[in-house]
Amino acid sequence: MYSDYETLKRKLASSPFRSSFHLDEKSREYVQKKGEETIARHAIDFITKRLAPKEILNDGKQTPMKGHPVFIAQHATATCCRSCLEKWHKIKKGHDLDEDEIKYIVSVIMSFIKDEMGSL
């Protein structure tokens, strides 16, 4: 896991795929309307249901490419599936994510969203 978002951000910038994700106007409006607290709750919910279980039948396909700012952030930050978590964040597969890992993932997602918004 990365100790700070700026280091991770520099690493992700080297990937054309990861650096291609940005919040569009509709996503920005949604974040503005709902606020940081609500978006963070959505992120916790998505991570808990879609990434936290030890085994995920559709790993690599459980996070849509659009439809919610958190989904965009997950792809941009490589927090979209357990394979990406292992490759980019060194969070091993084969165990249920613990509370600290979930908090880390949500903080990465929220850092990306805040960065995209300029600040909430």
Protein backbone atom coordinates (compact mmCIF):
# COMPACT_ATOMS: atom_id res chain seq x y z
CA MET A 1 0.00 0.00 0.00
CA TYR A 2 1.17 3.52 -0.70
CA SER A 3 1.83 5.81 2.23
CA ASP A 4 0.64 8.90 0.35
CA TYR A 5 -1.61 9.65 -2.58
CA GLU A 6 0.91 11.84 -4.44
CA THR A 7 3.35 8.93 -4.82
CA LEU A 8 0.57 6.69 -6.08
CA LYS A 9 -0.67 9.42 -8.41
CA ARG A 10 2.77 9.72 -10.03
CA LYS A 11 2.93 5.94 -10.50
CA LEU A 12 -0.57 5.79 -12.02
CA ALA A 13 0.29 8.66 -14.37
CA SER A 14 2.79 6.34 -16.08
CA SER A 15 -0.09 4.13 -17.22
CA PRO A 16 -1.94 5.40 -20.30
CA PHE A 17 -4.97 3.33 -19.25
CA ARG A 18 -5.14 4.61 -15.65
CA SER A 19 -4.42 8.20 -16.60
CA SER A 20 -7.22 8.19 -19.17
CA PHE A 21 -9.94 8.26 -16.51
CA HIS A 22 -11.41 11.61 -15.43
CA LEU A 23 -14.71 12.73 -13.99
CA ASP A 24 -16.99 14.10 -16.69
CA GLU A 25 -19.35 17.02 -16.14
CA LYS A 26 -22.24 14.79 -15.07
CA SER A 27 -20.05 13.05 -12.48
CA ARG A 28 -18.73 16.37 -11.18
CA GLU A 29 -22.29 17.66 -10.78
CA TYR A 30 -23.25 14.46 -8.94
CA VAL A 31 -20.32 14.82 -6.54
CA GLN A 32 -21.14 18.49 -6.00
CA LYS A 33 -24.80 17.70 -5.33
CA LYS A 34 -24.24 14.72 -3.00
CA GLY A 35 -21.16 15.97 -1.17
CA GLU A 36 -18.00 14.29 0.05
CA GLU A 37 -19.58 12.40 2.94
CA THR A 38 -22.22 10.72 0.77
CA ILE A 39 -19.73 9.83 -1.96
CA ALA A 40 -17.42 8.31 0.68
CA ARG A 41 -20.33 6.23 2.01
CA HIS A 42 -21.01 5.02 -1.54
CA ALA A 43 -17.33 4.09 -1.89
CA ILE A 44 -17.39 2.14 1.39
CA ASP A 45 -20.51 0.30 0.26
CA PHE A 46 -19.09 -0.56 -3.18
CA ILE A 47 -15.76 -1.72 -1.77
CA THR A 48 -17.37 -3.76 0.99
CA LYS A 49 -19.72 -5.54 -1.40
CA ARG A 50 -17.61 -5.80 -4.56
CA LEU A 51 -13.97 -6.05 -3.42
CA ALA A 52 -13.80 -7.09 0.23
CA PRO A 53 -14.81 -10.76 -0.07
CA LYS A 54 -11.98 -13.29 -0.25
CA GLU A 55 -13.31 -14.78 -3.46
CA ILE A 56 -15.05 -12.80 -6.18
CA LEU A 57 -16.54 -14.83 -9.00
CA ASN A 58 -16.31 -12.03 -11.57
CA ASP A 59 -13.00 -10.50 -10.45
CA GLY A 60 -11.88 -8.03 -13.07
CA LYS A 61 -15.41 -7.35 -14.22
CA GLN A 62 -17.21 -6.29 -11.04
CA THR A 63 -16.64 -2.55 -11.44
CA PRO A 64 -18.52 -0.76 -14.24
CA MET A 65 -16.54 1.65 -16.41
CA LYS A 66 -19.12 4.40 -15.94
CA GLY A 67 -22.29 5.27 -14.05
CA HIS A 68 -20.88 6.59 -10.77
CA PRO A 69 -17.89 8.81 -9.86
CA VAL A 70 -16.58 6.08 -7.54
CA PHE A 71 -16.42 3.60 -10.44
CA ILE A 72 -14.37 6.06 -12.50
CA ALA A 73 -12.09 6.67 -9.52
CA GLN A 74 -11.64 2.95 -8.99
CA HIS A 75 -10.38 2.45 -12.53
CA ALA A 76 -8.19 5.56 -12.36
CA THR A 77 -6.60 4.40 -9.09
CA ALA A 78 -6.40 0.64 -9.81
CA THR A 79 -8.81 -0.16 -6.98
CA CYS A 80 -11.33 -1.75 -9.33
CA CYS A 81 -10.61 -5.45 -8.71
CA ARG A 82 -8.53 -7.74 -6.55
CA SER A 83 -6.04 -8.33 -9.37
CA CYS A 84 -5.38 -4.59 -9.68
CA LEU A 85 -5.22 -4.21 -5.90
CA GLU A 86 -2.54 -6.88 -5.80
CA LYS A 87 -0.56 -5.54 -8.76
CA TRP A 88 -0.67 -1.83 -7.92
CA HIS A 89 -1.22 -1.69 -4.16
CA LYS A 90 0.34 -4.98 -2.99
CA ILE A 91 -2.91 -6.05 -1.31
CA LYS A 92 -2.85 -9.81 -1.73
CA LYS A 93 -5.79 -11.83 -3.00
CA GLY A 94 -7.17 -14.76 -1.04
CA HIS A 95 -8.38 -13.04 2.11
CA ASP A 96 -11.29 -10.84 3.10
CA LEU A 97 -10.16 -7.22 3.10
CA ASP A 98 -9.74 -5.94 6.62
CA GLU A 99 -10.95 -2.59 7.94
CA ASP A 100 -7.59 -0.88 7.37
CA GLU A 101 -7.42 -2.09 3.77
CA ILE A 102 -10.96 -0.87 3.10
CA LYS A 103 -10.15 2.52 4.66
CA TYR A 104 -7.00 2.75 2.53
CA ILE A 105 -8.91 1.97 -0.69
CA VAL A 106 -11.65 4.48 0.12
CA SER A 107 -9.05 7.14 0.93
CA VAL A 108 -7.36 6.54 -2.45
CA ILE A 109 -10.72 6.80 -4.24
CA MET A 110 -11.68 9.96 -2.38
CA SER A 111 -8.26 11.52 -3.01
CA PHE A 112 -8.74 11.02 -6.74
CA ILE A 113 -12.25 12.50 -6.62
CA LYS A 114 -11.09 15.52 -4.59
CA ASP A 115 -8.19 16.00 -6.98
CA GLU A 116 -10.57 15.90 -9.96
CA MET A 117 -12.96 18.33 -8.29
CA GLY A 118 -10.23 20.77 -7.29
CA SER A 119 -11.49 20.22 -3.71
CA LEU A 120 -14.93 19.69 -2.30
